[in-house]
Structures are given as C-alpha cells and as structure tokens.
Amino acid sequence: MATFSTSKYRLRAGGPMPVSAGTGNFVLHSFMAVTNDVTIDTCTVSLLKSTSFQGQGGSFSGATYSQLPVKTGNYFKGTEVAKDVYVEEA
C-alpha cells in the first residue's frame, strides 16, 4: 500500500475587467490564494469517516475513493484533500 502527498495551489480572483473601453487590455483582481495538502492512496482498506470533514469538526474538505477489483476484500484507491489554508499570493 503506497501513499503519496502533494499540495494544491489555487489563486482566488474575480473575472477579468477591461482597463478602458476599446483597448483590449484587461486587469485581474486577485484576493489571496488557497493551498491544500492532498494525500493519494494507491491502495487502502480504510475510508475517512464523516467526522473527519470540516463540517463535522474534522480537518478534511473532500475525498474521493474507487473500489479496486480485488476478490479477497474491500480495497480502495483514493484522494483525500485537507481543508483550505488561505495564503498571500506567491
């Protein structure tokens, strides 16, 4: 069973707005960024419980799992995403 960790980074921004009419130039207003730690399980037998998610007091914002085609038990591959951390843009 292998587990990998990585990070996800997303810039938070509004839609592009024209600088002045007819020039074709736009400006993008950004407001902080969001980073998440992501854990990728290639094979696991345990899934996160409801209490692991931030709405229930936990520290995860999302998870996805797929059952592996193994006849000897319930094995899953999946991705678990930690809750958002807001940071200044890099």
PDB file of N, CA and C in Angstrom:
ATOM      1  N   MET A   1       0.838  -1.172   0.000  1.00  0.00           N
ATOM      2  CA  MET A   1       0.000   0.000   0.000  1.00  0.00           C
ATOM      3  C   MET A   1       0.885   1.238   0.000  1.00  0.00           C
ATOM      4  N   ALA A   2       0.753   2.053  -1.030  1.00  0.00           N
ATOM      5  CA  ALA A   2       1.577   3.249  -1.157  1.00  0.00           C
ATOM      6  C   ALA A   2       0.728   4.501  -0.978  1.00  0.00           C
ATOM      7  N   THR A   3       1.309   5.480  -0.286  1.00  0.00           N
ATOM      8  CA  THR A   3       0.649   6.756  -0.067  1.00  0.00           C
ATOM      9  C   THR A   3       1.589   7.865  -0.510  1.00  0.00           C
ATOM     10  N   PHE A   4       1.060   8.812  -1.269  1.00  0.00           N
ATOM     11  CA  PHE A   4       1.832   9.952  -1.740  1.00  0.00           C
ATOM     12  C   PHE A   4       1.179  11.226  -1.242  1.00  0.00           C
ATOM     13  N   SER A   5       1.981  12.244  -0.981  1.00  0.00           N
ATOM     14  CA  SER A   5       1.455  13.538  -0.561  1.00  0.00           C
ATOM     15  C   SER A   5       1.936  14.620  -1.505  1.00  0.00           C
ATOM     16  N   THR A   6       1.062  15.581  -1.759  1.00  0.00           N
ATOM     17  CA  THR A   6       1.407  16.720  -2.601  1.00  0.00           C
ATOM     18  C   THR A   6       0.584  17.915  -2.118  1.00  0.00           C
ATOM     19  N   SER A   7       0.769  19.056  -2.742  1.00  0.00           N
ATOM     20  CA  SER A   7      -0.002  20.250  -2.397  1.00  0.00           C
ATOM     21  C   SER A   7      -0.694  20.788  -3.631  1.00  0.00           C
ATOM     22  N   LYS A   8      -1.833  21.413  -3.412  1.00  0.00           N
ATOM     23  CA  LYS A   8      -2.604  22.035  -4.484  1.00  0.00           C
ATOM     24  C   LYS A   8      -2.650  23.533  -4.177  1.00  0.00           C
ATOM     25  N   TYR A   9      -2.477  24.375  -5.191  1.00  0.00           N
ATOM     26  CA  TYR A   9      -2.448  25.827  -5.017  1.00  0.00           C
ATOM     27  C   TYR A   9      -3.399  26.450  -6.022  1.00  0.00           C
ATOM     28  N   ARG A  10      -4.288  27.345  -5.551  1.00  0.00           N
ATOM     29  CA  ARG A  10      -5.258  27.983  -6.446  1.00  0.00           C
ATOM     30  C   ARG A  10      -5.353  29.460  -6.116  1.00  0.00           C
ATOM     31  N   LEU A  11      -5.194  30.298  -7.113  1.00  0.00           N
ATOM     32  CA  LEU A  11      -5.331  31.737  -6.957  1.00  0.00           C
ATOM     33  C   LEU A  11      -6.809  32.095  -6.943  1.00  0.00           C
ATOM     34  N   ARG A  12      -7.227  32.883  -5.977  1.00  0.00           N
ATOM     35  CA  ARG A  12      -8.614  33.344  -5.903  1.00  0.00           C
ATOM     36  C   ARG A  12      -8.690  34.687  -6.599  1.00  0.00           C
ATOM     37  N   ALA A  13      -9.560  34.819  -7.581  1.00  0.00           N
ATOM     38  CA  ALA A  13      -9.634  36.060  -8.357  1.00  0.00           C
ATOM     39  C   ALA A  13     -11.032  36.241  -8.933  1.00  0.00           C
ATOM     40  N   GLY A  14     -11.333  37.489  -9.229  1.00  0.00           N
ATOM     41  CA  GLY A  14     -12.573  37.803  -9.917  1.00  0.00           C
ATOM     42  C   GLY A  14     -12.381  37.641 -11.409  1.00  0.00           C
ATOM     43  N   GLY A  15     -13.384  37.975 -12.159  1.00  0.00           N
ATOM     44  CA  GLY A  15     -13.284  37.893 -13.613  1.00  0.00           C
ATOM     45  C   GLY A  15     -12.465  39.043 -14.179  1.00  0.00           C
ATOM     46  N   PRO A  16     -11.866  38.874 -15.353  1.00  0.00           N
ATOM     47  CA  PRO A  16     -11.102  39.955 -15.973  1.00  0.00           C
ATOM     48  C   PRO A  16     -12.005  41.158 -16.261  1.00  0.00           C
ATOM     49  N   MET A  17     -11.466  42.349 -16.009  1.00  0.00           N
ATOM     50  CA  MET A  17     -12.220  43.585 -16.256  1.00  0.00           C
ATOM     51  C   MET A  17     -11.424  44.463 -17.217  1.00  0.00           C
ATOM     52  N   PRO A  18     -12.080  45.097 -18.181  1.00  0.00           N
ATOM     53  CA  PRO A  18     -11.356  45.943 -19.123  1.00  0.00           C
ATOM     54  C   PRO A  18     -10.758  47.164 -18.423  1.00  0.00           C
ATOM     55  N   VAL A  19      -9.528  47.515 -18.821  1.00  0.00           N
ATOM     56  CA  VAL A  19      -8.861  48.698 -18.264  1.00  0.00           C
ATOM     57  C   VAL A  19      -9.547  49.951 -18.786  1.00  0.00           C
ATOM     58  N   SER A  20      -9.765  50.010 -20.075  1.00  0.00           N
ATOM     59  CA  SER A  20     -10.548  51.094 -20.680  1.00  0.00           C
ATOM     60  C   SER A  20     -11.185  50.546 -21.951  1.00  0.00           C
ATOM     61  N   ALA A  21     -12.314  51.110 -22.295  1.00  0.00           N
ATOM     62  CA  ALA A  21     -13.097  50.597 -23.423  1.00  0.00           C
ATOM     63  C   ALA A  21     -12.311  50.643 -24.730  1.00  0.00           C
ATOM     64  N   GLY A  22     -12.371  49.562 -25.471  1.00  0.00           N
ATOM     65  CA  GLY A  22     -11.794  49.512 -26.812  1.00  0.00           C
ATOM     66  C   GLY A  22     -10.305  49.254 -26.886  1.00  0.00           C
ATOM     67  N   THR A  23      -9.576  49.160 -25.752  1.00  0.00           N
ATOM     68  CA  THR A  23      -8.124  48.956 -25.818  1.00  0.00           C
ATOM     69  C   THR A  23      -7.742  47.480 -25.883  1.00  0.00           C
ATOM     70  N   GLY A  24      -8.627  46.615 -25.440  1.00  0.00           N
ATOM     71  CA  GLY A  24      -8.311  45.186 -25.420  1.00  0.00           C
ATOM     72  C   GLY A  24      -7.444  44.790 -24.240  1.00  0.00           C
ATOM     73  N   ASN A  25      -7.174  45.713 -23.322  1.00  0.00           N
ATOM     74  CA  ASN A  25      -6.379  45.418 -22.126  1.00  0.00           C
ATOM     75  C   ASN A  25      -7.306  45.135 -20.947  1.00  0.00           C
ATOM     76  N   PHE A  26      -6.926  44.154 -20.155  1.00  0.00           N
ATOM     77  CA  PHE A  26      -7.740  43.752 -19.014  1.00  0.00           C
ATOM     78  C   PHE A  26      -6.884  43.685 -17.765  1.00  0.00           C
ATOM     79  N   VAL A  27      -7.525  43.787 -16.622  1.00  0.00           N
ATOM     80  CA  VAL A  27      -6.854  43.635 -15.340  1.00  0.00           C
ATOM     81  C   VAL A  27      -7.597  42.543 -14.561  1.00  0.00           C
ATOM     82  N   LEU A  28      -6.841  41.783 -13.774  1.00  0.00           N
ATOM     83  CA  LEU A  28      -7.415  40.707 -12.978  1.00  0.00           C
ATOM     84  C   LEU A  28      -7.180  41.049 -11.511  1.00  0.00           C
ATOM     85  N   HIS A  29      -8.258  41.196 -10.749  1.00  0.00           N
ATOM     86  CA  HIS A  29      -8.158  41.485  -9.322  1.00  0.00           C
ATOM     87  C   HIS A  29      -8.133  40.168  -8.568  1.00  0.00           C
ATOM     88  N   SER A  30      -7.034  39.926  -7.852  1.00  0.00           N
ATOM     89  CA  SER A  30      -6.919  38.692  -7.081  1.00  0.00           C
ATOM     90  C   SER A  30      -7.021  39.007  -5.591  1.00  0.00           C
ATOM     91  N   PHE A  31      -7.462  38.033  -4.830  1.00  0.00           N
ATOM     92  CA  PHE A  31      -7.593  38.211  -3.388  1.00  0.00           C
ATOM     93  C   PHE A  31      -7.191  36.921  -2.686  1.00  0.00           C
ATOM     94  N   MET A  32      -5.938  36.876  -2.323  1.00  0.00           N
ATOM     95  CA  MET A  32      -5.314  35.744  -1.638  1.00  0.00           C
ATOM     96  C   MET A  32      -5.313  34.491  -2.523  1.00  0.00           C
ATOM     97  N   ALA A  33      -4.786  33.431  -1.969  1.00  0.00           N
ATOM     98  CA  ALA A  33      -4.728  32.142  -2.654  1.00  0.00           C
ATOM     99  C   ALA A  33      -5.097  31.061  -1.641  1.00  0.00           C
ATOM    100  N   VAL A  34      -5.440  29.901  -2.154  1.00  0.00           N
ATOM    101  CA  VAL A  34      -5.806  28.760  -1.311  1.00  0.00           C
ATOM    102  C   VAL A  34      -4.825  27.636  -1.593  1.00  0.00           C
ATOM    103  N   THR A  35      -4.327  27.027  -0.542  1.00  0.00           N
ATOM    104  CA  THR A  35      -3.470  25.859  -0.702  1.00  0.00           C
ATOM    105  C   THR A  35      -4.065  24.711   0.114  1.00  0.00           C
ATOM    106  N   ASN A  36      -3.900  23.503  -0.381  1.00  0.00           N
ATOM    107  CA  ASN A  36      -4.389  22.295   0.296  1.00  0.00           C
ATOM    108  C   ASN A  36      -3.313  21.229   0.234  1.00  0.00           C
ATOM    109  N   ASP A  37      -3.229  20.434   1.277  1.00  0.00           N
ATOM    110  CA  ASP A  37      -2.411  19.228   1.230  1.00  0.00           C
ATOM    111  C   ASP A  37      -3.292  18.108   0.692  1.00  0.00           C
ATOM    112  N   VAL A  38      -2.751  17.350  -0.260  1.00  0.00           N
ATOM    113  CA  VAL A  38      -3.500  16.273  -0.903  1.00  0.00           C
ATOM    114  C   VAL A  38      -2.758  14.958  -0.657  1.00  0.00           C
ATOM    115  N   THR A  39      -3.483  13.956  -0.183  1.00  0.00           N
ATOM    116  CA  THR A  39      -2.927  12.631   0.040  1.00  0.00           C
ATOM    117  C   THR A  39      -3.549  11.680  -0.972  1.00  0.00           C
ATOM    118  N   ILE A  40      -2.691  10.938  -1.670  1.00  0.00           N
ATOM    119  CA  ILE A  40      -3.151   9.977  -2.669  1.00  0.00           C
ATOM    120  C   ILE A  40      -2.810   8.576  -2.174  1.00  0.00           C
ATOM    121  N   ASP A  41      -3.840   7.772  -1.955  1.00  0.00           N
ATOM    122  CA  ASP A  41      -3.663   6.380  -1.528  1.00  0.00           C
ATOM    123  C   ASP A  41      -3.867   5.476  -2.739  1.00  0.00           C
ATOM    124  N   THR A  42      -2.852   4.678  -3.075  1.00  0.00           N
ATOM    125  CA  THR A  42      -2.999   3.754  -4.201  1.00  0.00           C
ATOM    126  C   THR A  42      -3.752   2.495  -3.806  1.00  0.00           C
ATOM    127  N   CYS A  43      -3.730   2.173  -2.509  1.00  0.00           N
ATOM    128  CA  CYS A  43      -4.470   1.011  -2.021  1.00  0.00           C
ATOM    129  C   CYS A  43      -4.660   1.169  -0.512  1.00  0.00           C
ATOM    130  N   THR A  44      -5.901   1.202  -0.074  1.00  0.00           N
ATOM    131  CA  THR A  44      -6.203   1.336   1.347  1.00  0.00           C
ATOM    132  C   THR A  44      -7.443   0.509   1.688  1.00  0.00           C
ATOM    133  N   VAL A  45      -7.578   0.156   2.938  1.00  0.00           N
ATOM    134  CA  VAL A  45      -8.761  -0.574   3.392  1.00  0.00           C
ATOM    135  C   VAL A  45      -9.651   0.312   4.255  1.00  0.00           C
ATOM    136  N   SER A  46      -9.180   1.524   4.584  1.00  0.00           N
ATOM    137  CA  SER A  46      -9.967   2.413   5.442  1.00  0.00           C
ATOM    138  C   SER A  46     -10.325   3.697   4.708  1.00  0.00           C
ATOM    139  N   LEU A  47     -11.543   4.155   4.927  1.00  0.00           N
ATOM    140  CA  LEU A  47     -12.031   5.397   4.346  1.00  0.00           C
ATOM    141  C   LEU A  47     -12.204   6.422   5.462  1.00  0.00           C
ATOM    142  N   LEU A  48     -12.150   7.698   5.103  1.00  0.00           N
ATOM    143  CA  LEU A  48     -12.402   8.742   6.092  1.00  0.00           C
ATOM    144  C   LEU A  48     -13.848   8.660   6.582  1.00  0.00           C
ATOM    145  N   LYS A  49     -14.069   8.960   7.838  1.00  0.00           N
ATOM    146  CA  LYS A  49     -15.413   8.983   8.402  1.00  0.00           C
ATOM    147  C   LYS A  49     -16.007  10.373   8.239  1.00  0.00           C
ATOM    148  N   SER A  50     -17.297  10.507   8.391  1.00  0.00           N
ATOM    149  CA  SER A  50     -17.971  11.804   8.283  1.00  0.00           C
ATOM    150  C   SER A  50     -17.390  12.818   9.244  1.00  0.00           C
ATOM    151  N   THR A  51     -16.982  12.377  10.423  1.00  0.00           N
ATOM    152  CA  THR A  51     -16.429  13.286  11.420  1.00  0.00           C
ATOM    153  C   THR A  51     -15.043  13.800  11.051  1.00  0.00           C
ATOM    154  N   SER A  52     -14.435  13.261   9.989  1.00  0.00           N
ATOM    155  CA  SER A  52     -13.121  13.723   9.530  1.00  0.00           C
ATOM    156  C   SER A  52     -13.212  14.994   8.695  1.00  0.00           C
ATOM    157  N   PHE A  53     -14.432  15.393   8.279  1.00  0.00           N
ATOM    158  CA  PHE A  53     -14.596  16.539   7.384  1.00  0.00           C
ATOM    159  C   PHE A  53     -14.904  17.805   8.171  1.00  0.00           C
ATOM    160  N   GLN A  54     -14.506  18.949   7.607  1.00  0.00           N
ATOM    161  CA  GLN A  54     -14.574  20.210   8.325  1.00  0.00           C
ATOM    162  C   GLN A  54     -15.981  20.592   8.775  1.00  0.00           C
ATOM    163  N   GLY A  55     -17.015  20.188   8.089  1.00  0.00           N
ATOM    164  CA  GLY A  55     -18.382  20.461   8.523  1.00  0.00           C
ATOM    165  C   GLY A  55     -18.755  19.714   9.798  1.00  0.00           C
ATOM    166  N   GLN A  56     -18.005  18.673  10.120  1.00  0.00           N
ATOM    167  CA  GLN A  56     -18.248  17.874  11.325  1.00  0.00           C
ATOM    168  C   GLN A  56     -17.131  18.059  12.355  1.00  0.00           C
ATOM    169  N   GLY A  57     -16.287  19.086  12.156  1.00  0.00           N
ATOM    170  CA  GLY A  57     -15.203  19.363  13.100  1.00  0.00           C
ATOM    171  C   GLY A  57     -13.870  18.748  12.731  1.00  0.00           C
ATOM    172  N   GLY A  58     -13.767  18.104  11.587  1.00  0.00           N
ATOM    173  CA  GLY A  58     -12.522  17.467  11.154  1.00  0.00           C
ATOM    174  C   GLY A  58     -11.639  18.406  10.352  1.00  0.00           C
ATOM    175  N   SER A  59     -10.620  17.858   9.726  1.00  0.00           N
ATOM    176  CA  SER A  59      -9.640  18.681   9.014  1.00  0.00           C
ATOM    177  C   SER A  59      -9.545  18.379   7.512  1.00  0.00           C
ATOM    178  N   PHE A  60     -10.571  17.774   6.933  1.00  0.00           N
ATOM    179  CA  PHE A  60     -10.569  17.481   5.502  1.00  0.00           C
ATOM    180  C   PHE A  60     -11.734  18.186   4.814  1.00  0.00           C
ATOM    181  N   SER A  61     -11.495  18.664   3.570  1.00  0.00           N
ATOM    182  CA  SER A  61     -12.563  19.330   2.812  1.00  0.00           C
ATOM    183  C   SER A  61     -13.180  18.414   1.767  1.00  0.00           C
ATOM    184  N   GLY A  62     -12.515  17.314   1.419  1.00  0.00           N
ATOM    185  CA  GLY A  62     -13.068  16.411   0.425  1.00  0.00           C
ATOM    186  C   GLY A  62     -12.254  15.134   0.300  1.00  0.00           C
ATOM    187  N   ALA A  63     -12.889  14.124  -0.282  1.00  0.00           N
ATOM    188  CA  ALA A  63     -12.224  12.849  -0.533  1.00  0.00           C
ATOM    189  C   ALA A  63     -12.993  12.110  -1.617  1.00  0.00           C
ATOM    190  N   THR A  64     -12.261  11.383  -2.443  1.00  0.00           N
ATOM    191  CA  THR A  64     -12.882  10.527  -3.446  1.00  0.00           C
ATOM    192  C   THR A  64     -12.204   9.158  -3.390  1.00  0.00           C
ATOM    193  N   TYR A  65     -12.996   8.114  -3.542  1.00  0.00           N
ATOM    194  CA  TYR A  65     -12.479   6.757  -3.497  1.00  0.00           C
ATOM    195  C   TYR A  65     -13.101   5.934  -4.613  1.00  0.00           C
ATOM    196  N   SER A  66     -12.346   4.949  -5.082  1.00  0.00           N
ATOM    197  CA  SER A  66     -12.843   3.959  -6.039  1.00  0.00           C
ATOM    198  C   SER A  66     -12.456   2.584  -5.517  1.00  0.00           C
ATOM    199  N   GLN A  67     -13.402   1.653  -5.578  1.00  0.00           N
ATOM    200  CA  GLN A  67     -13.107   0.305  -5.116  1.00  0.00           C
ATOM    201  C   GLN A  67     -12.263  -0.424  -6.149  1.00  0.00           C
ATOM    202  N   LEU A  68     -11.235  -1.107  -5.670  1.00  0.00           N
ATOM    203  CA  LEU A  68     -10.362  -1.880  -6.550  1.00  0.00           C
ATOM    204  C   LEU A  68     -10.967  -3.262  -6.788  1.00  0.00           C
ATOM    205  N   PRO A  69     -10.769  -3.821  -7.982  1.00  0.00           N
ATOM    206  CA  PRO A  69     -11.359  -5.132  -8.304  1.00  0.00           C
ATOM    207  C   PRO A  69     -10.560  -6.295  -7.695  1.00  0.00           C
ATOM    208  N   VAL A  70     -10.659  -6.439  -6.370  1.00  0.00           N
ATOM    209  CA  VAL A  70      -9.959  -7.499  -5.644  1.00  0.00           C
ATOM    210  C   VAL A  70     -11.011  -8.380  -4.974  1.00  0.00           C
ATOM    211  N   LYS A  71     -10.928  -9.685  -5.178  1.00  0.00           N
ATOM    212  CA  LYS A  71     -11.951 -10.606  -4.653  1.00  0.00           C
ATOM    213  C   LYS A  71     -11.772 -10.919  -3.170  1.00  0.00           C
ATOM    214  N   THR A  72     -10.610 -10.649  -2.602  1.00  0.00           N
ATOM    215  CA  THR A  72     -10.325 -11.077  -1.227  1.00  0.00           C
ATOM    216  C   THR A  72     -10.682 -10.034  -0.172  1.00  0.00           C
ATOM    217  N   GLY A  73     -11.327  -8.939  -0.530  1.00  0.00           N
ATOM    218  CA  GLY A  73     -11.698  -7.942   0.466  1.00  0.00           C
ATOM    219  C   GLY A  73     -12.047  -6.608  -0.170  1.00  0.00           C
ATOM    220  N   ASN A  74     -12.313  -5.629   0.676  1.00  0.00           N
ATOM    221  CA  ASN A  74     -12.633  -4.284   0.200  1.00  0.00           C
ATOM    222  C   ASN A  74     -11.379  -3.420   0.218  1.00  0.00           C
ATOM    223  N   TYR A  75     -10.840  -3.172  -0.963  1.00  0.00           N
ATOM    224  CA  TYR A  75      -9.658  -2.332  -1.126  1.00  0.00           C
ATOM    225  C   TYR A  75     -10.046  -1.150  -2.001  1.00  0.00           C
ATOM    226  N   PHE A  76      -9.475   0.009  -1.687  1.00  0.00           N
ATOM    227  CA  PHE A  76      -9.835   1.239  -2.391  1.00  0.00           C
ATOM    228  C   PHE A  76      -8.590   2.015  -2.786  1.00  0.00           C
ATOM    229  N   LYS A  77      -8.701   2.789  -3.859  1.00  0.00           N
ATOM    230  CA  LYS A  77      -7.717   3.829  -4.160  1.00  0.00           C
ATOM    231  C   LYS A  77      -8.461   5.146  -3.975  1.00  0.00           C
ATOM    232  N   GLY A  78      -7.745   6.182  -3.553  1.00  0.00           N
ATOM    233  CA  GLY A  78      -8.461   7.414  -3.291  1.00  0.00           C
ATOM    234  C   GLY A  78      -7.569   8.622  -3.116  1.00  0.00           C
ATOM    235  N   THR A  79      -8.240   9.767  -3.034  1.00  0.00           N
ATOM    236  CA  THR A  79      -7.583  11.047  -2.829  1.00  0.00           C
ATOM    237  C   THR A  79      -8.287  11.755  -1.676  1.00  0.00           C
ATOM    238  N   GLU A  80      -7.501  12.271  -0.734  1.00  0.00           N
ATOM    239  CA  GLU A  80      -8.038  12.990   0.415  1.00  0.00           C
ATOM    240  C   GLU A  80      -7.457  14.403   0.411  1.00  0.00           C
ATOM    241  N   VAL A  81      -8.325  15.412   0.527  1.00  0.00           N
ATOM    242  CA  VAL A  81      -7.914  16.813   0.435  1.00  0.00           C
ATOM    243  C   VAL A  81      -8.129  17.487   1.781  1.00  0.00           C
ATOM    244  N   ALA A  82      -7.062  18.041   2.347  1.00  0.00           N
ATOM    245  CA  ALA A  82      -7.156  18.753   3.624  1.00  0.00           C
ATOM    246  C   ALA A  82      -7.892  20.074   3.416  1.00  0.00           C
ATOM    247  N   LYS A  83      -8.417  20.647   4.513  1.00  0.00           N
ATOM    248  CA  LYS A  83      -9.187  21.881   4.392  1.00  0.00           C
ATOM    249  C   LYS A  83      -8.315  23.032   3.897  1.00  0.00           C
ATOM    250  N   ASP A  84      -8.963  24.069   3.374  1.00  0.00           N
ATOM    251  CA  ASP A  84      -8.281  25.205   2.766  1.00  0.00           C
ATOM    252  C   ASP A  84      -7.444  25.973   3.777  1.00  0.00           C
ATOM    253  N   VAL A  85      -6.272  26.406   3.314  1.00  0.00           N
ATOM    254  CA  VAL A  85      -5.433  27.324   4.062  1.00  0.00           C
ATOM    255  C   VAL A  85      -5.245  28.543   3.169  1.00  0.00           C
ATOM    256  N   TYR A  86      -5.643  29.725   3.642  1.00  0.00           N
ATOM    257  CA  TYR A  86      -5.535  30.951   2.855  1.00  0.00           C
ATOM    258  C   TYR A  86      -4.166  31.569   3.049  1.00  0.00           C
ATOM    259  N   VAL A  87      -3.497  31.896   1.931  1.00  0.00           N
ATOM    260  CA  VAL A  87      -2.147  32.473   1.962  1.00  0.00           C
ATOM    261  C   VAL A  87      -2.094  33.659   1.006  1.00  0.00           C
ATOM    262  N   GLU A  88      -1.101  34.509   1.181  1.00  0.00           N
ATOM    263  CA  GLU A  88      -0.870  35.598   0.237  1.00  0.00           C
ATOM    264  C   GLU A  88      -0.362  35.009  -1.072  1.00  0.00           C
ATOM    265  N   GLU A  89      -0.687  35.672  -2.183  1.00  0.00           N
ATOM    266  CA  GLU A  89      -0.241  35.171  -3.486  1.00  0.00           C
ATOM    267  C   GLU A  89       1.276  35.139  -3.546  1.00  0.00           C
ATOM    268  N   ALA A  90       1.817  34.112  -4.170  1.00  0.00           N
ATOM    269  CA  ALA A  90       3.275  33.991  -4.296  1.00  0.00           C
ATOM    270  C   ALA A  90       3.759  34.727  -5.525  1.00  0.00           C
TER     271      ALA A  90
END
